[in-house]
Amino acid sequence: MMKGIFYGTGIGPGDPELVTIKARIAIEKCPVIVLPNTDRKDCIAYKTAEKLGIDLKNKIIVETDFPMTKEDELLQKAWNETADSIAGYLDGGKDVCFLTIGDPSVYSTCMYVVYILMERGYSIKIIPGVTSFTAAACSAGIDLASQNEKIHVIPGSYDIEKSFYLDGTLVFMKSGKKLKDLFCFLSDQKKDYDFDFCAVSNCSFENEVMVNELSDVNRLSGYLTTVIVKNIREKKTSERKNSSGFFQNTSCKFFPCHKTENLDDFNCMFCFCPLYFLGDRCGGDFYYTDKGIKSCLNCSFPHERNNYGRITERLKMLNAD
């Protein structure tokens, strides 16, 4: 008996009109449908498939349990148990369609199962889908990138402050409980930076909510919220104020303690450089004297306005030592 084929199928962000023809064909032809939920009533992917008008009543529906945890042992157990269940149908000659919202290659549990089945020698086909962040950008009428711009897709588990200093468009996905922290941080950055902001909850659903101002974020809710930040640029000097990452003490008799071409951007936050003890790894413009003493006379790294995030990131190296 020939074994069945496994189809990892991206079903898009939720709107049935955004489901690809290829995905629809896979759903129609496969007698077994796997859901990344324990209850089909709460499964967005299943609800989307129902709206396609495909008869799902005569199909075998496999509901799975993927725990929301970072414990590797529990996750590995869940992935392997799901793979075992799917393998049973494949060995019986049945094609299996695993439904996942968005695209299988972007933060999808489906891919963990795919890798296990691949190792076991099963035939695999992965069908791409429309992602939530591309759908959100289109809904907002904006581009994610043009010409040489970069795009950074950032999960909720990533460091918010570190990501803000990346060069290019920032796409925050799956922020969950960190959503409020993200909005608070972005609001704080408005003191020193201008940027274009857009956030969409439940993109492509009937209850979709889109906001373009940080003051309106209370209208957003839920796990399915995508935040897009682009065109980050410093405010004019006259518009800047002291913030959590910038401070000037112009009354200090040593101000400025290092030579600078732009006095308005001289940051006094780190009066004494916290990276000094990193030695050669500090990242600054230092040199060693004839007596072997590290001199930072020519270094302005800790006093540059935009280096606050870089310094706090490098401080982690001290903890690692």
Protein backbone atom coordinates (compact mmCIF):
# COMPACT_ATOMS: atom_id res chain seq x y z
CA MET A 1 0.00 0.00 0.00
CA MET A 2 1.28 3.45 -0.90
CA LYS A 3 1.63 5.81 1.99
CA GLY A 4 -0.31 9.06 2.12
CA ILE A 5 1.09 12.54 1.62
CA PHE A 6 1.25 15.15 4.36
CA TYR A 7 0.19 18.67 3.39
CA GLY A 8 1.27 21.50 5.70
CA THR A 9 -1.31 24.05 4.60
CA GLY A 10 -1.28 27.79 5.22
CA ILE A 11 -4.85 29.04 5.26
CA GLY A 12 -4.15 32.77 5.55
CA PRO A 13 -5.09 35.28 8.27
CA GLY A 14 -8.77 34.36 8.52
CA ASP A 15 -10.65 35.73 5.52
CA PRO A 16 -11.73 32.76 3.34
CA GLU A 17 -11.23 34.91 0.24
CA LEU A 18 -7.51 35.00 1.07
CA VAL A 19 -7.18 31.20 1.02
CA THR A 20 -5.17 30.13 -2.03
CA ILE A 21 -6.56 27.78 -4.67
CA LYS A 22 -3.82 25.29 -3.85
CA ALA A 23 -4.78 25.28 -0.17
CA ARG A 24 -8.43 24.76 -1.04
CA ILE A 25 -7.59 21.79 -3.28
CA ALA A 26 -5.55 20.20 -0.48
CA ILE A 27 -8.41 20.59 2.01
CA GLU A 28 -10.89 19.12 -0.46
CA LYS A 29 -8.77 16.09 -1.42
CA CYS A 30 -7.43 15.06 2.00
CA PRO A 31 -9.67 12.72 4.03
CA VAL A 32 -7.85 13.69 7.24
CA ILE A 33 -7.71 17.26 8.57
CA VAL A 34 -5.38 18.09 11.49
CA LEU A 35 -6.04 21.15 13.64
CA PRO A 36 -3.54 22.89 15.97
CA ASN A 37 -6.24 23.12 18.66
CA THR A 38 -7.96 20.80 21.10
CA ASP A 39 -11.40 22.11 20.13
CA ARG A 40 -12.41 22.90 16.55
CA LYS A 41 -14.90 25.47 17.84
CA ASP A 42 -11.97 27.64 18.96
CA CYS A 43 -9.80 26.95 15.92
CA ILE A 44 -9.50 29.89 13.51
CA ALA A 45 -8.06 27.67 10.79
CA TYR A 46 -11.04 25.31 11.00
CA LYS A 47 -13.55 28.17 11.00
CA THR A 48 -11.86 29.58 7.90
CA ALA A 49 -12.06 26.21 6.13
CA GLU A 50 -15.76 25.94 7.01
CA LYS A 51 -16.41 29.28 5.31
CA LEU A 52 -14.99 27.89 2.07
CA GLY A 53 -18.12 25.78 1.66
CA ILE A 54 -16.15 22.52 1.74
CA ASP A 55 -17.98 19.57 3.30
CA LEU A 56 -15.90 18.75 6.37
CA LYS A 57 -18.47 16.49 8.03
CA ASN A 58 -17.28 13.37 6.23
CA LYS A 59 -13.60 14.01 6.98
CA ILE A 60 -11.58 12.71 9.90
CA ILE A 61 -10.84 15.72 12.10
CA VAL A 62 -7.79 15.35 14.35
CA GLU A 63 -7.64 17.86 17.20
CA THR A 64 -4.20 18.26 18.76
CA ASP A 65 -2.84 19.67 22.00
CA PHE A 66 0.16 21.99 21.71
CA PRO A 67 0.81 23.49 25.16
CA MET A 68 1.59 27.21 25.43
CA THR A 69 4.90 26.71 27.20
CA LYS A 70 8.63 27.19 26.67
CA GLU A 71 9.50 23.89 28.34
CA ASP A 72 11.28 21.96 25.62
CA GLU A 73 10.47 18.54 27.05
CA LEU A 74 6.71 19.18 27.02
CA LEU A 75 6.83 20.65 23.52
CA GLN A 76 8.87 17.76 22.11
CA LYS A 77 6.40 15.33 23.63
CA ALA A 78 3.43 17.12 22.06
CA TRP A 79 5.09 17.35 18.62
CA ASN A 80 6.03 13.67 18.62
CA GLU A 81 2.59 12.56 19.78
CA THR A 82 0.98 14.55 16.96
CA ALA A 83 3.48 13.14 14.45
CA ASP A 84 2.68 9.61 15.68
CA SER A 85 -1.03 10.20 15.19
CA ILE A 86 -0.51 11.59 11.68
CA ALA A 87 1.88 8.78 10.75
CA GLY A 88 -0.86 6.26 11.51
CA TYR A 89 -3.09 7.78 8.84
CA LEU A 90 -0.23 8.17 6.35
CA ASP A 91 0.75 4.52 6.79
CA GLY A 92 -2.86 3.61 6.03
CA GLY A 93 -2.62 5.39 2.67
CA LYS A 94 -4.59 8.48 3.70
CA ASP A 95 -3.46 11.99 2.74
CA VAL A 96 -3.35 14.39 5.70
CA CYS A 97 -3.87 18.16 5.65
CA PHE A 98 -2.54 20.13 8.63
CA LEU A 99 -4.27 23.53 8.76
CA THR A 100 -2.40 26.52 10.10
CA ILE A 101 -3.30 30.20 10.01
CA GLY A 102 -0.99 32.48 8.06
CA ASP A 103 1.94 30.74 6.40
CA PRO A 104 3.46 27.43 7.62
CA SER A 105 6.99 28.84 7.41
CA VAL A 106 6.34 31.77 9.79
CA TYR A 107 6.09 30.89 13.51
CA SER A 108 3.94 27.84 12.83
CA THR A 109 3.74 24.73 15.02
CA CYS A 110 3.13 22.81 11.81
CA MET A 111 6.82 22.96 10.89
CA TYR A 112 7.93 21.12 14.03
CA VAL A 113 5.70 18.23 12.98
CA VAL A 114 6.96 18.51 9.39
CA TYR A 115 10.58 18.01 10.48
CA ILE A 116 9.69 14.91 12.50
CA LEU A 117 7.76 13.38 9.60
CA MET A 118 10.58 14.24 7.19
CA GLU A 119 13.05 12.36 9.39
CA ARG A 120 10.75 9.36 9.25
CA GLY A 121 10.76 9.43 5.45
CA TYR A 122 7.21 10.55 4.71
CA SER A 123 6.29 12.56 1.63
CA ILE A 124 5.74 16.21 2.54
CA LYS A 125 4.20 19.14 0.68
CA ILE A 126 4.08 22.63 2.20
CA ILE A 127 1.51 25.08 0.86
CA PRO A 128 2.21 28.79 1.53
CA GLY A 129 -0.42 31.15 2.83
CA VAL A 130 -0.99 34.89 3.23
CA THR A 131 0.69 36.11 6.43
CA SER A 132 -1.01 38.33 8.98
CA PHE A 133 1.60 41.07 8.65
CA THR A 134 1.38 41.33 4.85
CA ALA A 135 -2.41 41.33 5.13
CA ALA A 136 -2.23 44.00 7.85
CA ALA A 137 0.01 46.21 5.71
CA CYS A 138 -2.35 45.89 2.76
CA SER A 139 -5.36 46.62 4.96
CA ALA A 140 -3.59 49.75 6.22
CA GLY A 141 -2.61 50.79 2.69
CA ILE A 142 1.13 50.90 3.45
CA ASP A 143 4.21 49.15 2.14
CA LEU A 144 6.43 47.09 4.42
CA ALA A 145 9.57 47.93 2.48
CA SER A 146 10.73 49.66 -0.68
CA GLN A 147 14.02 49.86 -2.50
CA ASN A 148 16.79 48.83 -0.06
CA GLU A 149 14.73 48.86 3.14
CA LYS A 150 14.95 45.91 5.51
CA ILE A 151 12.08 44.11 7.23
CA HIS A 152 12.42 42.64 10.72
CA VAL A 153 9.71 40.23 11.87
CA ILE A 154 9.87 40.16 15.68
CA PRO A 155 8.07 37.67 17.96
CA GLY A 156 6.69 38.67 21.34
CA SER A 157 9.45 36.79 23.14
CA TYR A 158 12.15 39.08 21.68
CA ASP A 159 13.64 42.05 23.53
CA ILE A 160 11.49 45.09 22.66
CA GLU A 161 14.16 47.70 23.35
CA LYS A 162 16.82 45.88 21.37
CA SER A 163 14.54 45.50 18.35
CA PHE A 164 13.72 49.23 18.20
CA TYR A 165 17.29 50.04 17.18
CA LEU A 166 17.26 47.66 14.21
CA ASP A 167 17.53 49.35 10.83
CA GLY A 168 14.34 49.04 8.80
CA THR A 169 10.64 48.26 9.21
CA LEU A 170 9.71 46.52 12.46
CA VAL A 171 6.88 43.99 12.47
CA PHE A 172 5.85 42.80 15.94
CA MET A 173 3.89 39.54 15.94
CA LYS A 174 2.39 37.31 18.62
CA SER A 175 3.04 39.92 21.31
CA GLY A 176 0.34 38.51 23.59
CA LYS A 177 0.92 39.63 27.18
CA LYS A 178 3.76 41.91 26.06
CA LEU A 179 1.46 44.05 23.94
CA LYS A 180 0.98 46.67 26.67
CA ASP A 181 4.74 46.73 27.33
CA LEU A 182 5.34 47.31 23.63
CA PHE A 183 2.93 50.23 23.46
CA CYS A 184 4.38 51.80 26.62
CA PHE A 185 7.88 51.53 25.20
CA LEU A 186 6.86 53.04 21.84
CA SER A 187 5.08 55.89 23.62
CA ASP A 188 8.26 56.62 25.57
CA GLN A 189 10.33 56.64 22.38
CA LYS A 190 8.08 59.36 20.96
CA LYS A 191 10.05 61.80 23.11
CA ASP A 192 13.13 61.39 20.92
CA TYR A 193 11.88 59.79 17.72
CA ASP A 194 9.24 60.18 15.07
CA PHE A 195 7.98 57.04 13.34
CA ASP A 196 5.03 55.72 11.39
CA PHE A 197 2.86 53.41 13.45
CA CYS A 198 0.10 51.00 12.54
CA ALA A 199 -1.50 48.18 14.54
CA VAL A 200 -4.17 45.74 13.42
CA SER A 201 -6.16 43.29 15.54
CA ASN A 202 -8.03 40.39 13.95
CA CYS A 203 -6.86 41.31 10.48
CA SER A 204 -9.28 40.33 7.69
CA PHE A 205 -12.03 39.35 10.16
CA GLU A 206 -15.37 41.12 10.47
CA ASN A 207 -14.23 42.55 13.82
CA GLU A 208 -10.92 43.88 12.47
CA VAL A 209 -9.63 46.95 14.30
CA MET A 210 -6.88 49.19 12.94
CA VAL A 211 -5.25 52.17 14.65
CA ASN A 212 -2.61 54.60 13.47
CA GLU A 213 -2.07 56.48 16.71
CA LEU A 214 -0.57 55.19 19.95
CA SER A 215 -3.29 57.02 21.85
CA ASP A 216 -5.85 54.63 20.33
CA VAL A 217 -4.22 51.33 21.30
CA ASN A 218 -6.86 50.64 23.96
CA ARG A 219 -9.14 49.71 21.09
CA LEU A 220 -6.89 46.76 20.27
CA SER A 221 -7.20 43.39 21.92
CA GLY A 222 -6.28 39.77 21.53
CA TYR A 223 -3.42 37.54 20.55
CA LEU A 224 -3.95 38.27 16.85
CA THR A 225 -2.53 41.79 16.89
CA THR A 226 0.19 42.85 14.46
CA VAL A 227 2.14 46.06 15.06
CA ILE A 228 4.12 47.76 12.29
CA VAL A 229 6.67 50.50 12.98
CA LYS A 230 8.59 52.12 10.13
CA ASN A 231 10.45 55.24 9.05
CA ILE A 232 12.07 55.68 12.48
CA ARG A 233 13.85 59.01 12.58
CA GLU A 234 15.26 61.25 15.27
CA LYS A 235 13.35 64.35 16.22
CA LYS A 236 14.87 67.75 15.72
CA THR A 237 17.06 68.90 18.57
CA SER A 238 14.55 71.55 19.60
CA GLU A 239 11.88 68.86 20.03
CA ARG A 240 13.91 66.44 22.14
CA LYS A 241 13.60 66.02 25.88
CA ASN A 242 15.32 64.01 28.56
CA SER A 243 14.05 60.44 28.60
CA SER A 244 14.84 57.02 30.04
CA GLY A 245 17.68 56.71 27.52
CA PHE A 246 18.94 60.28 27.32
CA PHE A 247 19.93 62.87 29.91
CA GLN A 248 21.98 66.06 29.87
CA ASN A 249 23.48 67.78 32.88
CA THR A 250 24.59 71.05 31.38
CA SER A 251 25.27 72.49 34.83
CA CYS A 252 28.11 70.00 35.36
CA LYS A 253 31.48 71.82 35.35
CA PHE A 254 32.91 69.03 33.15
CA PHE A 255 30.15 69.22 30.53
CA PRO A 256 30.97 68.07 27.95
CA CYS A 257 33.64 65.73 29.31
CA HIS A 258 34.60 64.56 25.80
CA LYS A 259 35.01 66.41 22.55
CA THR A 260 31.86 66.40 20.42
CA GLU A 261 30.70 67.94 17.16
CA ASN A 262 27.07 67.89 18.25
CA LEU A 263 26.63 69.23 21.77
CA ASP A 264 22.84 68.84 21.69
CA ASP A 265 23.19 65.07 21.33
CA PHE A 266 25.76 64.62 24.10
CA ASN A 267 24.33 62.04 26.53
CA CYS A 268 25.25 62.25 30.21
CA MET A 269 23.31 59.11 31.10
CA PHE A 270 26.53 57.14 31.57
CA CYS A 271 28.87 59.53 33.37
CA PHE A 272 31.27 56.64 33.86
CA CYS A 273 31.29 54.10 31.03
CA PRO A 274 29.79 50.82 32.27
CA LEU A 275 31.55 48.96 29.44
CA TYR A 276 35.06 49.83 30.62
CA PHE A 277 35.55 46.45 32.26
CA LEU A 278 34.80 44.61 29.02
CA GLY A 279 38.33 45.48 27.95
CA ASP A 280 38.89 44.92 24.23
CA ARG A 281 35.22 43.99 23.75
CA CYS A 282 33.70 47.32 24.82
CA GLY A 283 33.23 48.55 21.25
CA GLY A 284 34.61 52.02 21.92
CA ASP A 285 37.55 54.01 20.55
CA PHE A 286 40.10 53.22 23.27
CA TYR A 287 43.85 52.66 23.38
CA TYR A 288 46.40 51.38 25.88
CA THR A 289 49.07 53.71 27.26
CA ASP A 290 52.74 52.78 27.53
CA LYS A 291 52.00 51.67 31.08
CA GLY A 292 49.25 49.31 29.86
CA ILE A 293 46.38 51.43 31.13
CA LYS A 294 43.23 51.52 29.03
CA SER A 295 42.51 55.11 27.99
CA CYS A 296 39.09 56.28 26.77
CA LEU A 297 40.17 59.87 26.17
CA ASN A 298 39.11 59.80 22.50
CA CYS A 299 35.99 57.69 22.98
CA SER A 300 32.49 59.18 22.83
CA PHE A 301 30.61 55.89 22.45
CA PRO A 302 28.71 56.05 25.80
CA HIS A 303 27.84 59.72 25.22
CA GLU A 304 26.19 59.35 21.80
CA ARG A 305 22.42 59.73 21.94
CA ASN A 306 21.61 56.66 19.87
CA ASN A 307 23.90 54.27 21.75
CA TYR A 308 21.79 53.71 24.86
CA GLY A 309 20.29 50.51 23.46
CA ARG A 310 23.65 49.26 22.22
CA ILE A 311 25.22 49.82 25.64
CA THR A 312 22.48 48.03 27.58
CA GLU A 313 22.77 45.13 25.17
CA ARG A 314 26.54 44.91 25.64
CA LEU A 315 26.09 44.95 29.41
CA LYS A 316 24.72 41.44 29.10
CA MET A 317 28.25 40.35 28.22
CA LEU A 318 29.33 41.32 31.74
CA ASN A 319 26.71 39.03 33.21
CA ALA A 320 27.90 36.21 30.95
CA ASP A 321 31.51 36.50 32.15
